Structures are given as C-alpha cells and as structure tokens.
Protein backbone atom coordinates (compact mmCIF):
# COMPACT_ATOMS: atom_id res chain seq x y z
CA UNK A 1 -0.05 0.04 -0.22
CA UNK A 2 1.37 3.68 -1.01
CA UNK A 3 2.37 5.78 2.15
CA UNK A 4 0.06 8.50 3.23
CA UNK A 5 1.24 11.98 2.09
CA UNK A 6 0.70 15.47 4.26
CA UNK A 7 2.13 18.77 3.91
CA UNK A 8 3.77 20.03 6.81
CA UNK A 9 4.75 23.57 8.05
CA UNK A 10 7.69 24.48 10.51
CA UNK A 11 8.27 27.26 11.80
CA UNK A 12 12.38 27.71 11.89
CA UNK A 13 13.52 28.56 15.60
CA UNK A 14 10.09 26.88 17.12
CA UNK A 15 9.72 23.53 18.67
CA UNK A 16 7.52 21.45 15.99
CA UNK A 17 5.67 18.55 17.16
CA UNK A 18 2.88 18.00 15.12
CA UNK A 19 0.31 15.20 16.02
CA UNK A 20 -0.48 12.73 13.28
CA UNK A 21 -3.06 9.72 13.19
CA UNK A 22 -1.84 7.04 10.48
CA UNK A 23 -4.43 5.19 8.92
CA UNK A 24 -4.86 3.06 5.59
CA UNK A 25 -7.00 4.13 2.39
CA UNK A 26 -9.51 2.64 4.20
CA UNK A 27 -9.39 5.00 6.99
CA UNK A 28 -8.56 2.17 9.33
CA UNK A 29 -5.95 3.38 11.86
CA UNK A 30 -2.17 1.20 11.56
CA UNK A 31 -1.35 -0.94 14.72
CA UNK A 32 1.38 0.65 15.55
CA UNK A 33 1.75 -2.17 18.60
CA UNK A 34 5.05 -3.24 18.46
CA UNK A 35 6.72 -1.06 15.86
CA UNK A 36 9.70 1.41 15.95
CA UNK A 37 9.20 4.59 13.86
CA UNK A 38 11.86 6.58 12.42
CA UNK A 39 11.36 9.84 10.26
CA UNK A 40 14.01 11.94 8.35
CA UNK A 41 13.58 15.39 6.54
CA UNK A 42 15.76 15.43 3.25
CA UNK A 43 16.19 18.63 0.75
CA UNK A 44 15.70 15.78 -2.11
CA UNK A 45 15.19 12.57 -3.12
CA UNK A 46 19.09 12.54 -3.92
CA UNK A 47 20.37 14.06 -0.65
CA UNK A 48 23.26 11.70 1.44
CA UNK A 49 22.46 13.23 4.66
CA UNK A 50 19.31 13.92 6.41
CA UNK A 51 18.72 17.53 7.55
CA UNK A 52 17.03 16.41 10.45
CA UNK A 53 16.16 13.49 11.90
CA UNK A 54 12.26 12.94 13.81
CA UNK A 55 12.26 11.91 17.43
CA UNK A 56 8.71 9.46 16.94
CA UNK A 57 7.21 8.85 20.11
CA UNK A 58 3.93 6.56 19.33
CA UNK A 59 0.88 7.88 21.44
CA UNK A 60 -1.82 5.70 20.89
CA UNK A 61 -0.42 2.41 19.08
CA UNK A 62 -3.70 0.71 18.26
CA UNK A 63 -5.34 3.76 16.99
CA UNK A 64 -2.00 4.65 14.96
CA UNK A 65 -1.42 8.10 16.70
CA UNK A 66 2.14 9.52 16.60
CA UNK A 67 3.95 12.70 17.23
CA UNK A 68 7.22 13.97 15.67
CA UNK A 69 9.25 16.28 17.09
CA UNK A 70 12.28 18.47 16.61
CA UNK A 71 13.36 20.63 19.16
CA UNK A 72 13.69 24.75 18.37
CA UNK A 73 17.68 24.54 18.22
CA UNK A 74 17.55 22.14 15.66
CA UNK A 75 14.72 24.17 13.54
CA UNK A 76 17.05 27.21 13.89
CA UNK A 77 19.22 25.27 12.08
CA UNK A 78 17.77 24.43 9.07
CA UNK A 79 17.58 27.05 6.16
CA UNK A 80 14.23 28.16 5.14
CA UNK A 81 12.70 26.61 2.07
CA UNK A 82 11.10 23.45 0.83
CA UNK A 83 11.88 19.90 1.83
CA UNK A 84 10.69 16.43 1.77
CA UNK A 85 10.13 13.77 4.71
CA UNK A 86 9.00 10.87 5.55
CA UNK A 87 8.02 8.23 8.23
CA UNK A 88 8.57 4.63 8.01
CA UNK A 89 8.22 1.83 10.72
CA UNK A 90 9.66 -1.63 11.34
CA UNK A 91 7.73 -4.64 13.17
CA UNK A 92 9.21 -7.25 14.83
CA UNK A 93 9.58 -9.60 11.93
CA UNK A 94 11.66 -6.36 10.66
CA UNK A 95 9.60 -5.82 8.01
CA UNK A 96 9.92 -2.14 7.12
CA UNK A 97 6.93 -0.10 5.45
CA UNK A 98 6.74 3.53 4.84
CA UNK A 99 3.99 4.52 6.15
CA UNK A 100 3.65 8.48 5.52
CA UNK A 101 5.44 11.17 3.55
CA UNK A 102 5.05 14.69 2.14
CA UNK A 103 6.81 18.15 1.87
CA UNK A 104 7.84 20.10 4.58
CA UNK A 105 7.82 24.02 4.22
CA UNK A 106 10.04 25.36 6.54
CA UNK A 107 9.05 29.32 7.59
CA UNK A 108 11.42 31.73 8.13
CA UNK A 109 12.26 32.99 11.93
CA UNK A 110 12.02 36.55 13.15
CA UNK A 111 12.36 36.55 16.76
CA UNK A 112 14.97 34.68 18.42
CA UNK A 113 16.15 33.17 21.59
C-alpha cells in the first residue's frame, strides 16, 4: 500500500511537535503495537545526509497516533525553504513499511531567543 501524504509547515526556531494519525486507504488506523518508527527530513530525494531526524513517539499504538518532534535548537538550524520527509515503521519481523511522506515547508524565523 502506498504511504499517506501530508504537507507540514515548520516555523524555524520553534519546537515542532505535530500529532498525526496514520491510517490506510480505507481509513483504518495502523496498528503500531510493537513497532519502531523513524522519520527524516531531506532537501531532496537524492540528498545523502538528512537535514534533520525526527523523534517519533507512538502515543496510541492501536489508534495509529504518533508525534513527530524537532526541538527549537534543531529547527533554528534548518534554512527556510521546501524539504521532503517520510516516516517508516519496522515491525518485529523486521519488515519496513513507509507509512507517511510529504513536504515540509520551513518558514523563516524573525524573533530569536
């Protein structure tokens, strides 16, 4: 099954913590019990190194609810512009599935701490 698509807007220099529900094409939430999740941002599909690595927390495994987190210190160092991201899960059988992908629009920071 293809990964879901979601466009994200990240404000540079702020703590980024969207809560997302992962579900299949029929609207049935992914069961994230006993899986590990990982997510990255890259400038392009061909970038060797990630721009940032999300901390992915599974809030409600049976409802497919996750949080993607980047601290303000990390987002402050991401140049304004458009990026790509995805989130993948790995189950106990070591099967890796990409469950979410999309663009991240990084909006420039004005006020700095």
